Amino acid sequence: MYISVVLIGSTKFKKKFRKVEEQLSLKGYLVFTPSVYTQSGDSPECGVEVKKVLDNAAKMKIARSEIVVVIDVDGYMGSSTKEQVAFAEMLNKPIFYYSKGEVDRL
């Protein structure tokens, strides 16, 4: 049985997301990632309404995951990520932070 992990954080760190996704997948985790990397420049047409949809989707992934990993390069977290962390805390999900090297513990 796979343990499900969701990666959250600023989508401007797309390369880090992909690296951690691969690392955890190779260890046997089922990894949920952002569907769209809006801040990486991949989808510049993403507007306010789409952002709401994506933020809600992220919360659904958090609710369905057993573990949350925050991709917080150099400790950076934007407002959406902070809201998602608060949501995960409310659900008592274990949270691991990339900037603290905690991903390696998984």
PDB file of N, CA and C in Angstrom:
ATOM      1  N   MET A   1       0.850  -1.186   0.000  1.00  0.00           N
ATOM      2  CA  MET A   1       0.000   0.000   0.000  1.00  0.00           C
ATOM      3  C   MET A   1       0.891   1.244   0.000  1.00  0.00           C
ATOM      4  N   TYR A   2       0.558   2.182  -0.820  1.00  0.00           N
ATOM      5  CA  TYR A   2       1.329   3.416  -0.932  1.00  0.00           C
ATOM      6  C   TYR A   2       0.900   4.436   0.124  1.00  0.00           C
ATOM      7  N   ILE A   3       1.861   5.201   0.626  1.00  0.00           N
ATOM      8  CA  ILE A   3       1.570   6.341   1.490  1.00  0.00           C
ATOM      9  C   ILE A   3       1.488   7.554   0.581  1.00  0.00           C
ATOM     10  N   SER A   4       0.424   8.335   0.730  1.00  0.00           N
ATOM     11  CA  SER A   4       0.220   9.494  -0.148  1.00  0.00           C
ATOM     12  C   SER A   4       0.838  10.748   0.460  1.00  0.00           C
ATOM     13  N   VAL A   5       1.511  11.494  -0.403  1.00  0.00           N
ATOM     14  CA  VAL A   5       2.203  12.724  -0.026  1.00  0.00           C
ATOM     15  C   VAL A   5       1.761  13.820  -0.983  1.00  0.00           C
ATOM     16  N   VAL A   6       1.503  15.005  -0.456  1.00  0.00           N
ATOM     17  CA  VAL A   6       1.212  16.148  -1.316  1.00  0.00           C
ATOM     18  C   VAL A   6       2.339  17.166  -1.165  1.00  0.00           C
ATOM     19  N   LEU A   7       2.777  17.697  -2.290  1.00  0.00           N
ATOM     20  CA  LEU A   7       3.788  18.748  -2.299  1.00  0.00           C
ATOM     21  C   LEU A   7       3.087  20.086  -2.479  1.00  0.00           C
ATOM     22  N   ILE A   8       3.364  21.032  -1.584  1.00  0.00           N
ATOM     23  CA  ILE A   8       2.788  22.368  -1.696  1.00  0.00           C
ATOM     24  C   ILE A   8       3.921  23.389  -1.639  1.00  0.00           C
ATOM     25  N   GLY A   9       3.643  24.588  -2.086  1.00  0.00           N
ATOM     26  CA  GLY A   9       4.640  25.651  -2.067  1.00  0.00           C
ATOM     27  C   GLY A   9       4.488  26.529  -3.283  1.00  0.00           C
ATOM     28  N   SER A  10       5.366  27.481  -3.403  1.00  0.00           N
ATOM     29  CA  SER A  10       5.334  28.390  -4.541  1.00  0.00           C
ATOM     30  C   SER A  10       5.678  27.636  -5.814  1.00  0.00           C
ATOM     31  N   THR A  11       4.836  27.781  -6.828  1.00  0.00           N
ATOM     32  CA  THR A  11       5.065  27.066  -8.077  1.00  0.00           C
ATOM     33  C   THR A  11       6.205  27.654  -8.898  1.00  0.00           C
ATOM     34  N   LYS A  12       6.825  28.722  -8.399  1.00  0.00           N
ATOM     35  CA  LYS A  12       8.014  29.227  -9.085  1.00  0.00           C
ATOM     36  C   LYS A  12       9.199  28.285  -8.881  1.00  0.00           C
ATOM     37  N   PHE A  13       9.055  27.346  -7.939  1.00  0.00           N
ATOM     38  CA  PHE A  13      10.107  26.364  -7.667  1.00  0.00           C
ATOM     39  C   PHE A  13       9.837  25.038  -8.375  1.00  0.00           C
ATOM     40  N   LYS A  14       9.375  25.108  -9.611  1.00  0.00           N
ATOM     41  CA  LYS A  14       8.981  23.921 -10.367  1.00  0.00           C
ATOM     42  C   LYS A  14      10.074  22.853 -10.389  1.00  0.00           C
ATOM     43  N   LYS A  15      11.322  23.240 -10.602  1.00  0.00           N
ATOM     44  CA  LYS A  15      12.412  22.259 -10.658  1.00  0.00           C
ATOM     45  C   LYS A  15      12.562  21.512  -9.338  1.00  0.00           C
ATOM     46  N   LYS A  16      12.389  22.222  -8.220  1.00  0.00           N
ATOM     47  CA  LYS A  16      12.478  21.568  -6.906  1.00  0.00           C
ATOM     48  C   LYS A  16      11.312  20.612  -6.706  1.00  0.00           C
ATOM     49  N   PHE A  17      10.111  21.039  -7.124  1.00  0.00           N
ATOM     50  CA  PHE A  17       8.942  20.163  -7.033  1.00  0.00           C
ATOM     51  C   PHE A  17       9.218  18.860  -7.770  1.00  0.00           C
ATOM     52  N   ARG A  18       9.702  18.977  -8.999  1.00  0.00           N
ATOM     53  CA  ARG A  18       9.957  17.797  -9.832  1.00  0.00           C
ATOM     54  C   ARG A  18      11.027  16.897  -9.205  1.00  0.00           C
ATOM     55  N   LYS A  19      12.061  17.502  -8.637  1.00  0.00           N
ATOM     56  CA  LYS A  19      13.134  16.735  -8.002  1.00  0.00           C
ATOM     57  C   LYS A  19      12.600  15.951  -6.808  1.00  0.00           C
ATOM     58  N   VAL A  20      11.825  16.622  -5.946  1.00  0.00           N
ATOM     59  CA  VAL A  20      11.277  15.962  -4.749  1.00  0.00           C
ATOM     60  C   VAL A  20      10.235  14.925  -5.161  1.00  0.00           C
ATOM     61  N   GLU A  21       9.434  15.229  -6.171  1.00  0.00           N
ATOM     62  CA  GLU A  21       8.447  14.259  -6.664  1.00  0.00           C
ATOM     63  C   GLU A  21       9.149  12.969  -7.105  1.00  0.00           C
ATOM     64  N   GLU A  22      10.215  13.114  -7.855  1.00  0.00           N
ATOM     65  CA  GLU A  22      10.960  11.943  -8.312  1.00  0.00           C
ATOM     66  C   GLU A  22      11.577  11.186  -7.136  1.00  0.00           C
ATOM     67  N   GLN A  23      12.205  11.919  -6.229  1.00  0.00           N
ATOM     68  CA  GLN A  23      12.857  11.318  -5.065  1.00  0.00           C
ATOM     69  C   GLN A  23      11.866  10.484  -4.249  1.00  0.00           C
ATOM     70  N   LEU A  24      10.705  11.062  -3.963  1.00  0.00           N
ATOM     71  CA  LEU A  24       9.717  10.358  -3.147  1.00  0.00           C
ATOM     72  C   LEU A  24       9.054   9.218  -3.917  1.00  0.00           C
ATOM     73  N   SER A  25       8.813   9.422  -5.196  1.00  0.00           N
ATOM     74  CA  SER A  25       8.210   8.362  -6.015  1.00  0.00           C
ATOM     75  C   SER A  25       9.110   7.134  -6.058  1.00  0.00           C
ATOM     76  N   LEU A  26      10.402   7.365  -6.185  1.00  0.00           N
ATOM     77  CA  LEU A  26      11.351   6.254  -6.230  1.00  0.00           C
ATOM     78  C   LEU A  26      11.445   5.516  -4.890  1.00  0.00           C
ATOM     79  N   LYS A  27      11.027   6.185  -3.818  1.00  0.00           N
ATOM     80  CA  LYS A  27      10.990   5.541  -2.497  1.00  0.00           C
ATOM     81  C   LYS A  27       9.665   4.818  -2.265  1.00  0.00           C
ATOM     82  N   GLY A  28       8.732   4.927  -3.222  1.00  0.00           N
ATOM     83  CA  GLY A  28       7.465   4.212  -3.114  1.00  0.00           C
ATOM     84  C   GLY A  28       6.287   5.022  -2.627  1.00  0.00           C
ATOM     85  N   TYR A  29       6.430   6.333  -2.540  1.00  0.00           N
ATOM     86  CA  TYR A  29       5.310   7.185  -2.143  1.00  0.00           C
ATOM     87  C   TYR A  29       4.430   7.501  -3.347  1.00  0.00           C
ATOM     88  N   LEU A  30       3.151   7.710  -3.099  1.00  0.00           N
ATOM     89  CA  LEU A  30       2.217   8.220  -4.107  1.00  0.00           C
ATOM     90  C   LEU A  30       2.210   9.730  -3.935  1.00  0.00           C
ATOM     91  N   VAL A  31       2.709  10.468  -4.926  1.00  0.00           N
ATOM     92  CA  VAL A  31       2.973  11.895  -4.768  1.00  0.00           C
ATOM     93  C   VAL A  31       1.984  12.737  -5.579  1.00  0.00           C
ATOM     94  N   PHE A  32       1.314  13.662  -4.886  1.00  0.00           N
ATOM     95  CA  PHE A  32       0.450  14.648  -5.531  1.00  0.00           C
ATOM     96  C   PHE A  32       1.230  15.959  -5.650  1.00  0.00           C
ATOM     97  N   THR A  33       1.182  16.570  -6.811  1.00  0.00           N
ATOM     98  CA  THR A  33       1.897  17.821  -7.058  1.00  0.00           C
ATOM     99  C   THR A  33       0.926  18.858  -7.613  1.00  0.00           C
ATOM    100  N   PRO A  34       1.365  20.110  -7.743  1.00  0.00           N
ATOM    101  CA  PRO A  34       0.503  21.101  -8.384  1.00  0.00           C
ATOM    102  C   PRO A  34       0.159  20.662  -9.818  1.00  0.00           C
ATOM    103  N   SER A  35      -1.046  20.954 -10.240  1.00  0.00           N
ATOM    104  CA  SER A  35      -1.475  20.620 -11.599  1.00  0.00           C
ATOM    105  C   SER A  35      -0.942  21.617 -12.606  1.00  0.00           C
ATOM    106  N   VAL A  36      -0.789  22.864 -12.154  1.00  0.00           N
ATOM    107  CA  VAL A  36      -0.330  23.950 -13.020  1.00  0.00           C
ATOM    108  C   VAL A  36       0.713  24.751 -12.240  1.00  0.00           C
ATOM    109  N   TYR A  37       1.817  25.038 -12.899  1.00  0.00           N
ATOM    110  CA  TYR A  37       2.884  25.823 -12.272  1.00  0.00           C
ATOM    111  C   TYR A  37       2.755  27.269 -12.750  1.00  0.00           C
ATOM    112  N   THR A  38       1.789  27.974 -12.179  1.00  0.00           N
ATOM    113  CA  THR A  38       1.458  29.326 -12.640  1.00  0.00           C
ATOM    114  C   THR A  38       2.593  30.319 -12.474  1.00  0.00           C
ATOM    115  N   GLN A  39       3.371  30.209 -11.419  1.00  0.00           N
ATOM    116  CA  GLN A  39       4.428  31.188 -11.164  1.00  0.00           C
ATOM    117  C   GLN A  39       5.750  30.838 -11.841  1.00  0.00           C
ATOM    118  N   SER A  40       5.786  29.705 -12.508  1.00  0.00           N
ATOM    119  CA  SER A  40       7.010  29.317 -13.211  1.00  0.00           C
ATOM    120  C   SER A  40       7.066  29.933 -14.598  1.00  0.00           C
ATOM    121  N   GLY A  41       5.964  30.580 -15.004  1.00  0.00           N
ATOM    122  CA  GLY A  41       5.890  31.159 -16.338  1.00  0.00           C
ATOM    123  C   GLY A  41       5.204  30.236 -17.330  1.00  0.00           C
ATOM    124  N   ASP A  42       4.826  29.030 -16.889  1.00  0.00           N
ATOM    125  CA  ASP A  42       4.177  28.075 -17.785  1.00  0.00           C
ATOM    126  C   ASP A  42       2.768  28.494 -18.191  1.00  0.00           C
ATOM    127  N   SER A  43       2.046  29.160 -17.300  1.00  0.00           N
ATOM    128  CA  SER A  43       0.655  29.525 -17.566  1.00  0.00           C
ATOM    129  C   SER A  43       0.404  30.981 -17.192  1.00  0.00           C
ATOM    130  N   PRO A  44       0.970  31.906 -17.938  1.00  0.00           N
ATOM    131  CA  PRO A  44       0.808  33.322 -17.574  1.00  0.00           C
ATOM    132  C   PRO A  44      -0.627  33.829 -17.690  1.00  0.00           C
ATOM    133  N   GLU A  45      -1.489  33.097 -18.417  1.00  0.00           N
ATOM    134  CA  GLU A  45      -2.870  33.538 -18.572  1.00  0.00           C
ATOM    135  C   GLU A  45      -3.750  33.193 -17.380  1.00  0.00           C
ATOM    136  N   CYS A  46      -3.204  32.565 -16.389  1.00  0.00           N
ATOM    137  CA  CYS A  46      -3.954  32.163 -15.204  1.00  0.00           C
ATOM    138  C   CYS A  46      -4.397  33.400 -14.432  1.00  0.00           C
ATOM    139  N   GLY A  47      -5.708  33.577 -14.284  1.00  0.00           N
ATOM    140  CA  GLY A  47      -6.247  34.749 -13.603  1.00  0.00           C
ATOM    141  C   GLY A  47      -6.751  34.423 -12.206  1.00  0.00           C
ATOM    142  N   VAL A  48      -7.452  35.375 -11.629  1.00  0.00           N
ATOM    143  CA  VAL A  48      -7.921  35.267 -10.241  1.00  0.00           C
ATOM    144  C   VAL A  48      -8.857  34.076 -10.044  1.00  0.00           C
ATOM    145  N   GLU A  49      -9.795  33.881 -10.942  1.00  0.00           N
ATOM    146  CA  GLU A  49     -10.755  32.781 -10.790  1.00  0.00           C
ATOM    147  C   GLU A  49     -10.065  31.424 -10.903  1.00  0.00           C
ATOM    148  N   VAL A  50      -9.151  31.309 -11.843  1.00  0.00           N
ATOM    149  CA  VAL A  50      -8.410  30.057 -11.996  1.00  0.00           C
ATOM    150  C   VAL A  50      -7.558  29.806 -10.763  1.00  0.00           C
ATOM    151  N   LYS A  51      -6.963  30.851 -10.220  1.00  0.00           N
ATOM    152  CA  LYS A  51      -6.149  30.727  -9.006  1.00  0.00           C
ATOM    153  C   LYS A  51      -6.989  30.168  -7.855  1.00  0.00           C
ATOM    154  N   LYS A  52      -8.233  30.617  -7.735  1.00  0.00           N
ATOM    155  CA  LYS A  52      -9.126  30.097  -6.691  1.00  0.00           C
ATOM    156  C   LYS A  52      -9.369  28.604  -6.879  1.00  0.00           C
ATOM    157  N   VAL A  53      -9.589  28.202  -8.124  1.00  0.00           N
ATOM    158  CA  VAL A  53      -9.820  26.792  -8.426  1.00  0.00           C
ATOM    159  C   VAL A  53      -8.592  25.973  -8.048  1.00  0.00           C
ATOM    160  N   LEU A  54      -7.413  26.463  -8.426  1.00  0.00           N
ATOM    161  CA  LEU A  54      -6.172  25.743  -8.127  1.00  0.00           C
ATOM    162  C   LEU A  54      -5.900  25.674  -6.626  1.00  0.00           C
ATOM    163  N   ASP A  55      -6.192  26.759  -5.902  1.00  0.00           N
ATOM    164  CA  ASP A  55      -6.013  26.757  -4.446  1.00  0.00           C
ATOM    165  C   ASP A  55      -6.950  25.757  -3.777  1.00  0.00           C
ATOM    166  N   ASN A  56      -8.190  25.681  -4.266  1.00  0.00           N
ATOM    167  CA  ASN A  56      -9.138  24.700  -3.724  1.00  0.00           C
ATOM    168  C   ASN A  56      -8.696  23.277  -4.033  1.00  0.00           C
ATOM    169  N   ALA A  57      -8.169  23.069  -5.237  1.00  0.00           N
ATOM    170  CA  ALA A  57      -7.665  21.741  -5.605  1.00  0.00           C
ATOM    171  C   ALA A  57      -6.509  21.343  -4.690  1.00  0.00           C
ATOM    172  N   ALA A  58      -5.646  22.287  -4.372  1.00  0.00           N
ATOM    173  CA  ALA A  58      -4.525  22.004  -3.462  1.00  0.00           C
ATOM    174  C   ALA A  58      -5.050  21.573  -2.095  1.00  0.00           C
ATOM    175  N   LYS A  59      -6.081  22.224  -1.612  1.00  0.00           N
ATOM    176  CA  LYS A  59      -6.656  21.846  -0.315  1.00  0.00           C
ATOM    177  C   LYS A  59      -7.277  20.454  -0.369  1.00  0.00           C
ATOM    178  N   MET A  60      -7.891  20.112  -1.501  1.00  0.00           N
ATOM    179  CA  MET A  60      -8.460  18.767  -1.651  1.00  0.00           C
ATOM    180  C   MET A  60      -7.345  17.720  -1.621  1.00  0.00           C
ATOM    181  N   LYS A  61      -6.217  18.018  -2.259  1.00  0.00           N
ATOM    182  CA  LYS A  61      -5.079  17.096  -2.250  1.00  0.00           C
ATOM    183  C   LYS A  61      -4.525  16.952  -0.838  1.00  0.00           C
ATOM    184  N   ILE A  62      -4.480  18.049  -0.101  1.00  0.00           N
ATOM    185  CA  ILE A  62      -4.016  18.002   1.297  1.00  0.00           C
ATOM    186  C   ILE A  62      -4.932  17.101   2.121  1.00  0.00           C
ATOM    187  N   ALA A  63      -6.236  17.283   1.955  1.00  0.00           N
ATOM    188  CA  ALA A  63      -7.216  16.502   2.716  1.00  0.00           C
ATOM    189  C   ALA A  63      -7.092  15.008   2.419  1.00  0.00           C
ATOM    190  N   ARG A  64      -6.733  14.673   1.203  1.00  0.00           N
ATOM    191  CA  ARG A  64      -6.656  13.274   0.796  1.00  0.00           C
ATOM    192  C   ARG A  64      -5.277  12.639   1.010  1.00  0.00           C
ATOM    193  N   SER A  65      -4.309  13.432   1.398  1.00  0.00           N
ATOM    194  CA  SER A  65      -2.952  12.926   1.590  1.00  0.00           C
ATOM    195  C   SER A  65      -2.679  12.620   3.055  1.00  0.00           C
ATOM    196  N   GLU A  66      -1.737  11.731   3.267  1.00  0.00           N
ATOM    197  CA  GLU A  66      -1.343  11.362   4.623  1.00  0.00           C
ATOM    198  C   GLU A  66      -0.230  12.262   5.148  1.00  0.00           C
ATOM    199  N   ILE A  67       0.590  12.796   4.239  1.00  0.00           N
ATOM    200  CA  ILE A  67       1.744  13.620   4.600  1.00  0.00           C
ATOM    201  C   ILE A  67       1.778  14.845   3.696  1.00  0.00           C
ATOM    202  N   VAL A  68       2.202  15.977   4.258  1.00  0.00           N
ATOM    203  CA  VAL A  68       2.355  17.217   3.499  1.00  0.00           C
ATOM    204  C   VAL A  68       3.834  17.592   3.489  1.00  0.00           C
ATOM    205  N   VAL A  69       4.349  17.896   2.297  1.00  0.00           N
ATOM    206  CA  VAL A  69       5.718  18.380   2.154  1.00  0.00           C
ATOM    207  C   VAL A  69       5.653  19.786   1.575  1.00  0.00           C
ATOM    208  N   VAL A  70       6.268  20.734   2.290  1.00  0.00           N
ATOM    209  CA  VAL A  70       6.283  22.127   1.846  1.00  0.00           C
ATOM    210  C   VAL A  70       7.598  22.384   1.107  1.00  0.00           C
ATOM    211  N   ILE A  71       7.491  22.747  -0.157  1.00  0.00           N
ATOM    212  CA  ILE A  71       8.663  23.120  -0.942  1.00  0.00           C
ATOM    213  C   ILE A  71       8.879  24.615  -0.697  1.00  0.00           C
ATOM    214  N   ASP A  72       9.692  24.899   0.303  1.00  0.00           N
ATOM    215  CA  ASP A  72       9.920  26.275   0.766  1.00  0.00           C
ATOM    216  C   ASP A  72      11.403  26.618   0.614  1.00  0.00           C
ATOM    217  N   VAL A  73      11.835  26.776  -0.613  1.00  0.00           N
ATOM    218  CA  VAL A  73      13.243  27.039  -0.900  1.00  0.00           C
ATOM    219  C   VAL A  73      13.701  28.288  -0.137  1.00  0.00           C
ATOM    220  N   ASP A  74      14.775  28.146   0.615  1.00  0.00           N
ATOM    221  CA  ASP A  74      15.305  29.225   1.463  1.00  0.00           C
ATOM    222  C   ASP A  74      14.261  29.753   2.447  1.00  0.00           C
ATOM    223  N   GLY A  75      13.297  28.904   2.823  1.00  0.00           N
ATOM    224  CA  GLY A  75      12.271  29.288   3.788  1.00  0.00           C
ATOM    225  C   GLY A  75      11.140  30.123   3.218  1.00  0.00           C
ATOM    226  N   TYR A  76      11.128  30.328   1.883  1.00  0.00           N
ATOM    227  CA  TYR A  76      10.098  31.191   1.285  1.00  0.00           C
ATOM    228  C   TYR A  76       8.739  30.500   1.227  1.00  0.00           C
ATOM    229  N   MET A  77       7.721  31.200   1.743  1.00  0.00           N
ATOM    230  CA  MET A  77       6.331  30.763   1.624  1.00  0.00           C
ATOM    231  C   MET A  77       5.463  31.975   1.315  1.00  0.00           C
ATOM    232  N   GLY A  78       4.713  31.877   0.225  1.00  0.00           N
ATOM    233  CA  GLY A  78       3.767  32.933  -0.119  1.00  0.00           C
ATOM    234  C   GLY A  78       2.475  32.768   0.660  1.00  0.00           C
ATOM    235  N   SER A  79       1.557  33.671   0.434  1.00  0.00           N
ATOM    236  CA  SER A  79       0.299  33.666   1.197  1.00  0.00           C
ATOM    237  C   SER A  79      -0.531  32.406   0.948  1.00  0.00           C
ATOM    238  N   SER A  80      -0.575  31.924  -0.282  1.00  0.00           N
ATOM    239  CA  SER A  80      -1.343  30.705  -0.568  1.00  0.00           C
ATOM    240  C   SER A  80      -0.750  29.507   0.162  1.00  0.00           C
ATOM    241  N   THR A  81       0.559  29.406   0.155  1.00  0.00           N
ATOM    242  CA  THR A  81       1.213  28.296   0.840  1.00  0.00           C
ATOM    243  C   THR A  81       0.964  28.375   2.344  1.00  0.00           C
ATOM    244  N   LYS A  82       1.030  29.565   2.907  1.00  0.00           N
ATOM    245  CA  LYS A  82       0.754  29.726   4.341  1.00  0.00           C
ATOM    246  C   LYS A  82      -0.664  29.275   4.681  1.00  0.00           C
ATOM    247  N   GLU A  83      -1.619  29.606   3.809  1.00  0.00           N
ATOM    248  CA  GLU A  83      -3.006  29.171   4.016  1.00  0.00           C
ATOM    249  C   GLU A  83      -3.106  27.653   3.939  1.00  0.00           C
ATOM    250  N   GLN A  84      -2.399  27.063   3.003  1.00  0.00           N
ATOM    251  CA  GLN A  84      -2.425  25.612   2.851  1.00  0.00           C
ATOM    252  C   GLN A  84      -1.782  24.922   4.048  1.00  0.00           C
ATOM    253  N   VAL A  85      -0.701  25.477   4.567  1.00  0.00           N
ATOM    254  CA  VAL A  85      -0.061  24.918   5.770  1.00  0.00           C
ATOM    255  C   VAL A  85      -1.040  24.991   6.946  1.00  0.00           C
ATOM    256  N   ALA A  86      -1.718  26.112   7.094  1.00  0.00           N
ATOM    257  CA  ALA A  86      -2.702  26.254   8.175  1.00  0.00           C
ATOM    258  C   ALA A  86      -3.820  25.223   8.027  1.00  0.00           C
ATOM    259  N   PHE A  87      -4.250  24.977   6.801  1.00  0.00           N
ATOM    260  CA  PHE A  87      -5.283  23.977   6.529  1.00  0.00           C
ATOM    261  C   PHE A  87      -4.778  22.583   6.924  1.00  0.00           C
ATOM    262  N   ALA A  88      -3.546  22.266   6.541  1.00  0.00           N
ATOM    263  CA  ALA A  88      -2.956  20.969   6.894  1.00  0.00           C
ATOM    264  C   ALA A  88      -2.832  20.818   8.408  1.00  0.00           C
ATOM    265  N   GLU A  89      -2.433  21.888   9.088  1.00  0.00           N
ATOM    266  CA  GLU A  89      -2.332  21.854  10.554  1.00  0.00           C
ATOM    267  C   GLU A  89      -3.698  21.610  11.184  1.00  0.00           C
ATOM    268  N   MET A  90      -4.723  22.264  10.638  1.00  0.00           N
ATOM    269  CA  MET A  90      -6.077  22.084  11.145  1.00  0.00           C
ATOM    270  C   MET A  90      -6.512  20.620  11.022  1.00  0.00           C
ATOM    271  N   LEU A  91      -6.037  19.941   9.971  1.00  0.00           N
ATOM    272  CA  LEU A  91      -6.371  18.537   9.752  1.00  0.00           C
ATOM    273  C   LEU A  91      -5.393  17.581  10.452  1.00  0.00           C
ATOM    274  N   ASN A  92      -4.452  18.156  11.223  1.00  0.00           N
ATOM    275  CA  ASN A  92      -3.446  17.373  11.959  1.00  0.00           C
ATOM    276  C   ASN A  92      -2.588  16.491  11.055  1.00  0.00           C
ATOM    277  N   LYS A  93      -2.255  17.011   9.881  1.00  0.00           N
ATOM    278  CA  LYS A  93      -1.397  16.278   8.950  1.00  0.00           C
ATOM    279  C   LYS A  93       0.066  16.480   9.346  1.00  0.00           C
ATOM    280  N   PRO A  94       0.883  15.444   9.249  1.00  0.00           N
ATOM    281  CA  PRO A  94       2.320  15.642   9.464  1.00  0.00           C
ATOM    282  C   PRO A  94       2.873  16.518   8.338  1.00  0.00           C
ATOM    283  N   ILE A  95       3.680  17.505   8.699  1.00  0.00           N
ATOM    284  CA  ILE A  95       4.213  18.459   7.720  1.00  0.00           C
ATOM    285  C   ILE A  95       5.737  18.421   7.766  1.00  0.00           C
ATOM    286  N   PHE A  96       6.335  18.292   6.599  1.00  0.00           N
ATOM    287  CA  PHE A  96       7.781  18.276   6.448  1.00  0.00           C
ATOM    288  C   PHE A  96       8.186  19.451   5.569  1.00  0.00           C
ATOM    289  N   TYR A  97       9.299  20.101   5.912  1.00  0.00           N
ATOM    290  CA  TYR A  97       9.745  21.303   5.189  1.00  0.00           C
ATOM    291  C   TYR A  97      11.031  21.024   4.411  1.00  0.00           C
ATOM    292  N   TYR A  98      11.006  21.343   3.138  1.00  0.00           N
ATOM    293  CA  TYR A  98      12.163  21.175   2.267  1.00  0.00           C
ATOM    294  C   TYR A  98      13.361  21.964   2.798  1.00  0.00           C
ATOM    295  N   SER A  99      13.137  23.207   3.212  1.00  0.00           N
ATOM    296  CA  SER A  99      14.238  24.089   3.633  1.00  0.00           C
ATOM    297  C   SER A  99      14.973  23.559   4.869  1.00  0.00           C
ATOM    298  N   LYS A 100      14.318  22.715   5.631  1.00  0.00           N
ATOM    299  CA  LYS A 100      14.936  22.159   6.841  1.00  0.00           C
ATOM    300  C   LYS A 100      15.546  20.778   6.603  1.00  0.00           C
ATOM    301  N   GLY A 101      15.521  20.327   5.351  1.00  0.00           N
ATOM    302  CA  GLY A 101      16.080  19.024   5.025  1.00  0.00           C
ATOM    303  C   GLY A 101      15.231  17.855   5.496  1.00  0.00           C
ATOM    304  N   GLU A 102      13.974  18.122   5.854  1.00  0.00           N
ATOM    305  CA  GLU A 102      13.120  17.091   6.418  1.00  0.00           C
ATOM    306  C   GLU A 102      12.625  16.078   5.384  1.00  0.00           C
ATOM    307  N   VAL A 103      12.704  16.411   4.113  1.00  0.00           N
ATOM    308  CA  VAL A 103      12.253  15.502   3.064  1.00  0.00           C
ATOM    309  C   VAL A 103      13.102  14.230   3.093  1.00  0.00           C
ATOM    310  N   ASP A 104      14.357  14.367   3.435  1.00  0.00           N
ATOM    311  CA  ASP A 104      15.268  13.224   3.482  1.00  0.00           C
ATOM    312  C   ASP A 104      14.874  12.209   4.563  1.00  0.00           C
ATOM    313  N   ARG A 105      14.059  12.641   5.519  1.00  0.00           N
ATOM    314  CA  ARG A 105      13.605  11.734   6.589  1.00  0.00           C
ATOM    315  C   ARG A 105      12.488  10.801   6.130  1.00  0.00           C
ATOM    316  N   LEU A 106      11.888  11.122   5.014  1.00  0.00           N
ATOM    317  CA  LEU A 106      10.781  10.291   4.512  1.00  0.00           C
ATOM    318  C   LEU A 106      11.309   9.061   3.802  1.00  0.00           C
TER     319      LEU A 106
END
